[in-house]
Amino acid sequence: MRPVLSFLIATLAISACSPVYYNVAGVREAQASEVTGCKLIGRVSGIPGVYGPLKDVGLKDARRAAMEQAKAQGGNTVVFDPLPEAGEVYELRAQVYSC
């Protein structure tokens, strides 16, 4: 069982270092101040798959999922809601814009 667990941890660590995996072609992340002239399309969300020590990997995956939803809605820009300073994030929400 330990070799399987070691493999999974190594795979997650490598994927965390690979920003290309988390990019969604044609969709960018922006700040609220950067979308003043854009059309609001709606809202999306992503749910992290892992928490605790791997929370950064989970947040990246949630961002990717939200960006994929934004693209499916016809948006090309997302503005994520601010994250809390402390504690776990169980859902990452964002507004979708067409700019």
N, C-alpha and C. Protein backbone atom coordinates (compact mmCIF):
# COMPACT_ATOMS: atom_id res chain seq x y z
N MET A 1 0.82 -1.20 0.00
CA MET A 1 0.00 0.00 0.00
C MET A 1 0.86 1.26 0.00
N ARG A 2 1.99 1.23 0.67
CA ARG A 2 2.86 2.39 0.75
C ARG A 2 3.37 2.83 -0.63
N PRO A 3 3.75 1.91 -1.54
CA PRO A 3 4.21 2.36 -2.85
C PRO A 3 3.12 3.11 -3.62
N VAL A 4 1.88 2.68 -3.47
CA VAL A 4 0.78 3.36 -4.15
C VAL A 4 0.60 4.76 -3.59
N LEU A 5 0.64 4.87 -2.28
CA LEU A 5 0.50 6.18 -1.64
C LEU A 5 1.65 7.10 -2.03
N SER A 6 2.86 6.58 -2.05
CA SER A 6 4.03 7.37 -2.46
C SER A 6 3.88 7.84 -3.89
N PHE A 7 3.39 6.98 -4.77
CA PHE A 7 3.18 7.35 -6.17
C PHE A 7 2.15 8.47 -6.28
N LEU A 8 1.05 8.36 -5.55
CA LEU A 8 0.01 9.40 -5.61
C LEU A 8 0.53 10.74 -5.10
N ILE A 9 1.28 10.71 -4.03
CA ILE A 9 1.83 11.96 -3.49
C ILE A 9 2.82 12.57 -4.48
N ALA A 10 3.66 11.76 -5.09
CA ALA A 10 4.61 12.27 -6.07
C ALA A 10 3.89 12.85 -7.28
N THR A 11 2.84 12.19 -7.73
CA THR A 11 2.08 12.68 -8.88
C THR A 11 1.43 14.02 -8.57
N LEU A 12 0.85 14.16 -7.39
CA LEU A 12 0.25 15.43 -7.00
C LEU A 12 1.30 16.53 -6.87
N ALA A 13 2.45 16.20 -6.34
CA ALA A 13 3.52 17.19 -6.20
C ALA A 13 4.00 17.67 -7.56
N ILE A 14 4.14 16.77 -8.49
CA ILE A 14 4.59 17.14 -9.84
C ILE A 14 3.53 17.98 -10.52
N SER A 15 2.27 17.59 -10.40
CA SER A 15 1.20 18.36 -11.05
C SER A 15 1.06 19.75 -10.44
N ALA A 16 1.39 19.89 -9.17
CA ALA A 16 1.34 21.20 -8.53
C ALA A 16 2.38 22.14 -9.10
N CYS A 17 3.46 21.61 -9.62
CA CYS A 17 4.53 22.42 -10.20
C CYS A 17 4.32 22.67 -11.68
N SER A 18 3.26 22.16 -12.24
CA SER A 18 3.01 22.27 -13.67
C SER A 18 1.88 23.25 -13.95
N PRO A 19 2.19 24.54 -14.14
CA PRO A 19 1.13 25.53 -14.35
C PRO A 19 0.35 25.32 -15.64
N VAL A 20 0.93 24.68 -16.63
CA VAL A 20 0.25 24.46 -17.90
C VAL A 20 -1.00 23.61 -17.69
N TYR A 21 -0.94 22.64 -16.81
CA TYR A 21 -2.07 21.78 -16.53
C TYR A 21 -3.26 22.58 -16.03
N TYR A 22 -3.03 23.65 -15.33
CA TYR A 22 -4.10 24.43 -14.73
C TYR A 22 -4.60 25.56 -15.61
N ASN A 23 -3.94 25.83 -16.71
CA ASN A 23 -4.40 26.87 -17.62
C ASN A 23 -5.56 26.36 -18.46
N VAL A 24 -6.47 27.25 -18.79
CA VAL A 24 -7.58 26.94 -19.69
C VAL A 24 -7.44 27.90 -20.87
N ALA A 25 -7.24 27.35 -22.05
CA ALA A 25 -7.02 28.17 -23.24
C ALA A 25 -8.19 29.12 -23.47
N GLY A 26 -7.88 30.38 -23.68
CA GLY A 26 -8.90 31.37 -23.98
C GLY A 26 -9.59 31.98 -22.77
N VAL A 27 -9.16 31.62 -21.57
CA VAL A 27 -9.76 32.17 -20.36
C VAL A 27 -8.63 32.70 -19.48
N ARG A 28 -8.82 33.91 -18.98
CA ARG A 28 -7.80 34.51 -18.11
C ARG A 28 -8.44 34.93 -16.79
N GLU A 29 -7.61 35.06 -15.79
CA GLU A 29 -8.04 35.55 -14.50
C GLU A 29 -7.72 37.03 -14.42
N ALA A 30 -8.65 37.81 -13.87
CA ALA A 30 -8.45 39.26 -13.77
C ALA A 30 -8.93 39.74 -12.40
N GLN A 31 -8.60 40.98 -12.10
CA GLN A 31 -9.09 41.65 -10.90
C GLN A 31 -10.38 42.39 -11.27
N ALA A 32 -11.20 42.70 -10.28
CA ALA A 32 -12.47 43.39 -10.53
C ALA A 32 -12.26 44.72 -11.26
N SER A 33 -11.18 45.41 -10.96
CA SER A 33 -10.91 46.70 -11.59
C SER A 33 -10.57 46.58 -13.08
N GLU A 34 -10.25 45.37 -13.54
CA GLU A 34 -9.85 45.17 -14.93
C GLU A 34 -11.01 44.80 -15.86
N VAL A 35 -12.22 44.66 -15.31
CA VAL A 35 -13.34 44.20 -16.13
C VAL A 35 -14.47 45.22 -16.19
N THR A 36 -14.17 46.49 -15.96
CA THR A 36 -15.21 47.52 -15.92
C THR A 36 -15.92 47.66 -17.27
N GLY A 37 -15.25 47.44 -18.37
CA GLY A 37 -15.88 47.57 -19.68
C GLY A 37 -16.35 46.25 -20.26
N CYS A 38 -16.36 45.21 -19.48
CA CYS A 38 -16.72 43.87 -19.97
C CYS A 38 -18.17 43.54 -19.64
N LYS A 39 -18.71 42.56 -20.34
CA LYS A 39 -20.08 42.13 -20.12
C LYS A 39 -20.11 40.97 -19.11
N LEU A 40 -20.89 41.15 -18.05
CA LEU A 40 -21.05 40.10 -17.05
C LEU A 40 -21.92 39.00 -17.62
N ILE A 41 -21.43 37.76 -17.56
CA ILE A 41 -22.18 36.62 -18.10
C ILE A 41 -22.86 35.85 -16.97
N GLY A 42 -22.17 35.63 -15.87
CA GLY A 42 -22.76 34.87 -14.78
C GLY A 42 -21.72 34.50 -13.74
N ARG A 43 -22.01 33.44 -13.00
CA ARG A 43 -21.11 32.98 -11.94
C ARG A 43 -20.79 31.52 -12.14
N VAL A 44 -19.62 31.13 -11.67
CA VAL A 44 -19.16 29.74 -11.71
C VAL A 44 -18.51 29.42 -10.38
N SER A 45 -18.24 28.14 -10.18
CA SER A 45 -17.54 27.75 -8.96
C SER A 45 -16.76 26.47 -9.20
N GLY A 46 -15.77 26.27 -8.38
CA GLY A 46 -14.98 25.05 -8.40
C GLY A 46 -14.82 24.55 -6.98
N ILE A 47 -14.77 23.24 -6.84
CA ILE A 47 -14.64 22.64 -5.53
C ILE A 47 -13.30 21.92 -5.44
N PRO A 48 -12.47 22.30 -4.47
CA PRO A 48 -11.18 21.62 -4.31
C PRO A 48 -11.39 20.13 -4.03
N GLY A 49 -10.54 19.32 -4.61
CA GLY A 49 -10.63 17.88 -4.39
C GLY A 49 -9.82 17.39 -3.21
N VAL A 50 -8.89 18.22 -2.76
CA VAL A 50 -8.05 17.85 -1.62
C VAL A 50 -7.90 19.06 -0.70
N TYR A 51 -7.63 18.78 0.56
CA TYR A 51 -7.53 19.82 1.59
C TYR A 51 -6.30 19.56 2.44
N GLY A 52 -6.15 20.36 3.46
CA GLY A 52 -5.04 20.16 4.39
C GLY A 52 -3.70 20.47 3.74
N PRO A 53 -2.73 19.56 3.87
CA PRO A 53 -1.39 19.82 3.33
C PRO A 53 -1.38 19.98 1.81
N LEU A 54 -2.39 19.44 1.13
CA LEU A 54 -2.45 19.54 -0.33
C LEU A 54 -3.44 20.60 -0.79
N LYS A 55 -3.80 21.54 0.09
CA LYS A 55 -4.83 22.51 -0.26
C LYS A 55 -4.46 23.37 -1.47
N ASP A 56 -3.19 23.67 -1.67
CA ASP A 56 -2.80 24.46 -2.84
C ASP A 56 -3.12 23.74 -4.14
N VAL A 57 -2.91 22.44 -4.17
CA VAL A 57 -3.25 21.64 -5.35
C VAL A 57 -4.77 21.66 -5.55
N GLY A 58 -5.51 21.52 -4.46
CA GLY A 58 -6.97 21.55 -4.54
C GLY A 58 -7.49 22.88 -5.05
N LEU A 59 -6.90 23.98 -4.60
CA LEU A 59 -7.33 25.31 -5.05
C LEU A 59 -7.02 25.51 -6.53
N LYS A 60 -5.87 25.04 -6.98
CA LYS A 60 -5.53 25.16 -8.39
C LYS A 60 -6.51 24.37 -9.25
N ASP A 61 -6.87 23.19 -8.79
CA ASP A 61 -7.82 22.37 -9.53
C ASP A 61 -9.20 23.02 -9.54
N ALA A 62 -9.60 23.63 -8.43
CA ALA A 62 -10.89 24.32 -8.37
C ALA A 62 -10.91 25.52 -9.30
N ARG A 63 -9.79 26.24 -9.39
CA ARG A 63 -9.70 27.38 -10.32
C ARG A 63 -9.83 26.90 -11.76
N ARG A 64 -9.16 25.81 -12.08
CA ARG A 64 -9.24 25.27 -13.43
C ARG A 64 -10.67 24.86 -13.76
N ALA A 65 -11.35 24.20 -12.83
CA ALA A 65 -12.72 23.77 -13.05
C ALA A 65 -13.64 24.98 -13.28
N ALA A 66 -13.46 26.03 -12.49
CA ALA A 66 -14.28 27.24 -12.67
C ALA A 66 -14.00 27.89 -14.01
N MET A 67 -12.73 27.91 -14.42
CA MET A 67 -12.38 28.51 -15.71
C MET A 67 -12.95 27.70 -16.87
N GLU A 68 -12.99 26.40 -16.74
CA GLU A 68 -13.60 25.57 -17.78
C GLU A 68 -15.10 25.84 -17.87
N GLN A 69 -15.76 26.03 -16.73
CA GLN A 69 -17.17 26.38 -16.73
C GLN A 69 -17.39 27.74 -17.39
N ALA A 70 -16.50 28.69 -17.09
CA ALA A 70 -16.60 30.02 -17.69
C ALA A 70 -16.50 29.94 -19.21
N LYS A 71 -15.58 29.14 -19.70
CA LYS A 71 -15.42 28.98 -21.14
C LYS A 71 -16.68 28.37 -21.75
N ALA A 72 -17.26 27.38 -21.07
CA ALA A 72 -18.48 26.75 -21.56
C ALA A 72 -19.65 27.74 -21.61
N GLN A 73 -19.63 28.75 -20.75
CA GLN A 73 -20.68 29.77 -20.73
C GLN A 73 -20.42 30.88 -21.76
N GLY A 74 -19.28 30.82 -22.43
CA GLY A 74 -18.95 31.84 -23.42
C GLY A 74 -18.11 32.98 -22.88
N GLY A 75 -17.60 32.83 -21.69
CA GLY A 75 -16.76 33.87 -21.09
C GLY A 75 -15.30 33.66 -21.40
N ASN A 76 -14.53 34.74 -21.26
CA ASN A 76 -13.09 34.65 -21.47
C ASN A 76 -12.29 35.24 -20.32
N THR A 77 -12.99 35.70 -19.29
CA THR A 77 -12.34 36.31 -18.13
C THR A 77 -13.10 35.93 -16.87
N VAL A 78 -12.36 35.59 -15.82
CA VAL A 78 -12.99 35.30 -14.53
C VAL A 78 -12.37 36.18 -13.45
N VAL A 79 -13.22 36.58 -12.51
CA VAL A 79 -12.78 37.32 -11.33
C VAL A 79 -13.20 36.48 -10.13
N PHE A 80 -12.21 35.90 -9.45
CA PHE A 80 -12.49 35.05 -8.30
C PHE A 80 -12.81 35.88 -7.08
N ASP A 81 -13.76 35.39 -6.28
CA ASP A 81 -14.07 36.01 -5.00
C ASP A 81 -12.84 35.88 -4.10
N PRO A 82 -12.65 36.83 -3.19
CA PRO A 82 -11.49 36.75 -2.28
C PRO A 82 -11.56 35.49 -1.41
N LEU A 83 -10.39 34.93 -1.13
CA LEU A 83 -10.30 33.76 -0.27
C LEU A 83 -10.19 34.21 1.19
N PRO A 84 -10.75 33.43 2.10
CA PRO A 84 -10.61 33.78 3.51
C PRO A 84 -9.15 33.67 3.94
N GLU A 85 -8.77 34.46 4.91
CA GLU A 85 -7.39 34.47 5.41
C GLU A 85 -7.00 33.15 6.06
N ALA A 86 -7.93 32.55 6.77
CA ALA A 86 -7.63 31.31 7.49
C ALA A 86 -8.73 30.29 7.23
N GLY A 87 -8.40 29.04 7.44
CA GLY A 87 -9.38 27.98 7.29
C GLY A 87 -9.38 27.38 5.90
N GLU A 88 -10.15 26.32 5.76
CA GLU A 88 -10.24 25.61 4.50
C GLU A 88 -11.23 26.31 3.56
N VAL A 89 -11.00 26.17 2.27
CA VAL A 89 -11.91 26.68 1.25
C VAL A 89 -12.62 25.47 0.65
N TYR A 90 -13.94 25.44 0.76
CA TYR A 90 -14.71 24.30 0.28
C TYR A 90 -15.37 24.57 -1.06
N GLU A 91 -15.40 25.84 -1.46
CA GLU A 91 -15.92 26.20 -2.78
C GLU A 91 -15.28 27.52 -3.19
N LEU A 92 -14.80 27.56 -4.41
CA LEU A 92 -14.16 28.75 -4.95
C LEU A 92 -15.11 29.34 -5.99
N ARG A 93 -15.60 30.55 -5.76
CA ARG A 93 -16.59 31.18 -6.63
C ARG A 93 -15.97 32.29 -7.45
N ALA A 94 -16.55 32.52 -8.63
CA ALA A 94 -16.04 33.58 -9.50
C ALA A 94 -17.14 34.13 -10.37
N GLN A 95 -16.96 35.36 -10.81
CA GLN A 95 -17.84 35.97 -11.81
C GLN A 95 -17.21 35.77 -13.17
N VAL A 96 -18.05 35.57 -14.19
CA VAL A 96 -17.58 35.33 -15.55
C VAL A 96 -17.92 36.54 -16.40
N TYR A 97 -16.93 36.98 -17.19
CA TYR A 97 -17.12 38.13 -18.07
C TYR A 97 -16.69 37.77 -19.50
N SER A 98 -17.24 38.53 -20.43
CA SER A 98 -16.78 38.49 -21.81
C SER A 98 -16.14 39.85 -22.08
N CYS A 99 -14.85 39.86 -22.33
CA CYS A 99 -14.11 41.11 -22.53
C CYS A 99 -13.58 41.19 -23.97
